[in-house]
Amino acid sequence: MNADELRTLQAPLKARYREEPAAAKVILSAEGVLGEASVTCKVSTGRALVEAGLHPATGGSGAAACSGDMLLEALVACAGVTLRAVATALAIPIRSGKVLAEGDLDFRGTLGVDKETPVGFTEVRLRFQLETDAAPDLIATLLKLTERYCVIYQTLKKPPRLTLSHEVK
């Protein structure tokens, strides 16, 4: 695909988002299932090898993985593994559980339709659904420590210094 093909592909989307700003707002989500007896979290990606591409809201076909989905999947995986590790370390019995993440995006920012609209997620929500008989104070400790030690959660909560560079060969 070249620049002209991309512009042609995105032009109707940009026009729609100018006319209907709400159409550019999309909620992405990811889900994982905690491992039953081990410190794991299975994240549904639907692909053995992940090929990233444009989200349909920016002109993609939907055949390739969206990097926004992948970010949420990484959060789900990290939070699930961290929660399972903390539960294991504290001997908190969890029969089963799900980890869910949702993120709000307004694609007008991504496509440059509205310069005031932020590019990227404006809100991310992480939620656990747990089957356990653990006392509420133990669950509170579990969640507090999961939040504290989940690398992806902490990276999103306190973004690192980010640099961009390039190399021409």
Protein backbone atom coordinates (compact mmCIF):
# COMPACT_ATOMS: atom_id res chain seq x y z
CA MET A 1 0.00 0.00 0.00
CA ASN A 2 1.30 3.46 -0.85
CA ALA A 3 0.38 6.89 0.53
CA ASP A 4 -2.25 7.56 -2.11
CA GLU A 5 -3.94 4.22 -1.52
CA LEU A 6 -3.92 4.90 2.21
CA ARG A 7 -5.41 8.38 1.74
CA THR A 8 -8.09 6.92 -0.54
CA LEU A 9 -8.85 4.23 2.01
CA GLN A 10 -9.06 6.69 4.91
CA ALA A 11 -10.78 9.63 3.20
CA PRO A 12 -14.34 8.33 3.73
CA LEU A 13 -13.54 7.55 7.36
CA LYS A 14 -12.14 11.04 7.96
CA ALA A 15 -15.19 12.59 6.30
CA ARG A 16 -17.50 10.49 8.47
CA TYR A 17 -15.63 11.42 11.65
CA ARG A 18 -15.86 15.11 10.77
CA GLU A 19 -19.60 14.79 10.26
CA GLU A 20 -20.21 12.31 13.11
CA PRO A 21 -17.50 12.73 15.79
CA ALA A 22 -19.08 10.00 17.93
CA ALA A 23 -18.43 7.44 15.18
CA ALA A 24 -14.67 7.80 15.78
CA LYS A 25 -14.95 6.75 19.41
CA VAL A 26 -14.26 3.05 19.87
CA ILE A 27 -13.78 0.85 22.91
CA LEU A 28 -11.12 -1.81 22.45
CA SER A 29 -10.98 -4.76 24.80
CA ALA A 30 -8.97 -7.83 25.69
CA GLU A 31 -9.66 -10.83 27.90
CA GLY A 32 -7.57 -13.49 29.54
CA VAL A 33 -8.26 -16.59 31.61
CA LEU A 34 -6.11 -17.35 34.64
CA GLY A 35 -4.23 -20.63 34.57
CA GLU A 36 -5.93 -23.27 36.69
CA ALA A 37 -2.93 -24.65 38.54
CA SER A 38 -0.01 -22.54 37.43
CA VAL A 39 1.17 -18.96 37.29
CA THR A 40 -0.17 -18.25 33.80
CA CYS A 41 -2.81 -16.26 31.99
CA LYS A 42 -4.16 -17.30 28.61
CA VAL A 43 -4.86 -14.32 26.40
CA SER A 44 -7.05 -14.76 23.36
CA THR A 45 -5.34 -13.27 20.34
CA GLY A 46 -6.75 -15.53 17.64
CA ARG A 47 -3.36 -15.72 15.92
CA ALA A 48 -0.29 -17.91 16.36
CA LEU A 49 1.91 -15.29 14.73
CA VAL A 50 0.67 -11.77 15.25
CA GLU A 51 0.71 -9.41 12.30
CA ALA A 52 -0.12 -5.85 13.30
CA GLY A 53 -2.07 -3.56 10.98
CA LEU A 54 -4.58 -0.77 10.83
CA HIS A 55 -7.70 -0.93 12.96
CA PRO A 56 -10.89 -0.92 10.85
CA ALA A 57 -11.69 2.54 12.25
CA THR A 58 -8.59 3.80 10.41
CA GLY A 59 -9.09 1.85 7.21
CA GLY A 60 -7.83 -1.59 8.10
CA SER A 61 -9.58 -4.75 6.97
CA GLY A 62 -9.62 -6.27 10.46
CA ALA A 63 -7.49 -9.20 9.29
CA ALA A 64 -4.37 -7.95 11.12
CA ALA A 65 -4.03 -7.35 14.84
CA CYS A 66 -4.58 -3.83 16.11
CA SER A 67 -1.74 -2.55 18.27
CA GLY A 68 -4.30 -1.02 20.65
CA ASP A 69 -5.82 -4.46 21.16
CA MET A 70 -2.32 -5.85 21.65
CA LEU A 71 -1.61 -3.26 24.34
CA LEU A 72 -4.76 -4.26 26.21
CA GLU A 73 -3.90 -7.93 25.73
CA ALA A 74 -0.46 -7.27 27.22
CA LEU A 75 -2.10 -5.57 30.21
CA VAL A 76 -4.51 -8.48 30.66
CA ALA A 77 -1.72 -11.04 30.39
CA CYS A 78 0.59 -9.21 32.79
CA ALA A 79 -2.17 -8.49 35.32
CA GLY A 80 -3.40 -12.10 35.14
CA VAL A 81 0.05 -13.58 35.62
CA THR A 82 0.83 -11.10 38.41
CA LEU A 83 -2.47 -11.80 40.19
CA ARG A 84 -1.92 -15.54 39.91
CA ALA A 85 1.66 -15.20 41.20
CA VAL A 86 0.57 -13.05 44.15
CA ALA A 87 -2.32 -15.42 44.94
CA THR A 88 0.08 -18.34 44.81
CA ALA A 89 2.64 -16.57 47.00
CA LEU A 90 0.01 -15.65 49.60
CA ALA A 91 -1.82 -18.99 49.37
CA ILE A 92 -5.04 -17.25 48.37
CA PRO A 93 -7.23 -19.89 46.75
CA ILE A 94 -8.70 -18.84 43.40
CA ARG A 95 -10.79 -21.46 41.65
CA SER A 96 -11.00 -19.52 38.41
CA GLY A 97 -10.98 -16.00 37.13
CA LYS A 98 -11.06 -13.61 34.23
CA VAL A 99 -9.13 -10.46 33.56
CA LEU A 100 -10.78 -7.83 31.38
CA ALA A 101 -9.41 -4.60 29.98
CA GLU A 102 -11.18 -1.90 28.01
CA GLY A 103 -9.73 1.25 26.52
CA ASP A 104 -11.40 4.31 25.03
CA LEU A 105 -10.04 5.72 21.76
CA ASP A 106 -11.24 8.54 19.55
CA PHE A 107 -9.84 7.89 16.08
CA ARG A 108 -10.29 11.53 15.02
CA GLY A 109 -6.98 12.16 16.81
CA THR A 110 -5.22 9.24 15.14
CA LEU A 111 -6.36 10.28 11.68
CA GLY A 112 -5.68 13.99 12.23
CA VAL A 113 -9.33 14.89 11.71
CA ASP A 114 -9.42 17.03 14.85
CA LYS A 115 -6.12 18.42 16.16
CA GLU A 116 -7.66 18.91 19.63
CA THR A 117 -8.58 15.21 19.97
CA PRO A 118 -5.87 13.23 21.76
CA VAL A 119 -4.08 10.42 19.96
CA GLY A 120 -4.19 7.23 22.00
CA PHE A 121 -6.23 5.88 24.84
CA THR A 122 -8.00 8.45 27.02
CA GLU A 123 -9.04 5.88 29.62
CA VAL A 124 -8.18 2.25 30.34
CA ARG A 125 -10.18 0.09 32.74
CA LEU A 126 -8.88 -3.17 34.22
CA ARG A 127 -11.26 -5.55 35.98
CA PHE A 128 -11.00 -8.97 37.60
CA GLN A 129 -13.79 -11.52 37.95
CA LEU A 130 -12.67 -14.06 40.54
CA GLU A 131 -14.18 -17.24 41.93
CA THR A 132 -12.77 -17.52 45.43
CA ASP A 133 -13.78 -18.02 49.04
CA ALA A 134 -11.01 -15.71 50.23
CA ALA A 135 -11.92 -13.10 52.81
CA PRO A 136 -12.47 -9.53 51.56
CA ASP A 137 -9.28 -8.30 53.28
CA LEU A 138 -7.23 -10.95 51.46
CA ILE A 139 -8.82 -10.01 48.12
CA ALA A 140 -8.01 -6.35 48.83
CA THR A 141 -4.39 -7.31 49.52
CA LEU A 142 -4.31 -9.44 46.37
CA LEU A 143 -5.53 -6.56 44.21
CA LYS A 144 -3.24 -4.02 45.89
CA LEU A 145 -0.18 -6.20 45.29
CA THR A 146 -1.26 -7.07 41.75
CA GLU A 147 -1.53 -3.37 40.97
CA ARG A 148 1.84 -2.71 42.59
CA TYR A 149 3.75 -5.45 40.79
CA CYS A 150 2.12 -5.63 37.37
CA VAL A 151 4.73 -4.25 34.99
CA ILE A 152 2.33 -3.23 32.26
CA TYR A 153 -0.13 -1.62 34.69
CA GLN A 154 2.64 0.39 36.34
CA THR A 155 4.12 1.34 32.96
CA LEU A 156 0.76 2.74 31.86
CA LYS A 157 0.10 4.37 35.23
CA LYS A 158 3.52 6.06 35.37
CA PRO A 159 4.72 6.30 31.78
CA PRO A 160 8.45 6.00 31.29
CA ARG A 161 10.52 8.51 29.39
CA LEU A 162 9.90 7.55 25.81
CA THR A 163 12.28 8.26 22.98
CA LEU A 164 12.04 7.86 19.27
CA SER A 165 15.00 7.39 16.99
CA HIS A 166 15.73 6.18 13.53
CA GLU A 167 18.49 4.69 11.47
CA VAL A 168 18.88 5.05 7.76
CA LYS A 169 20.68 2.31 5.86
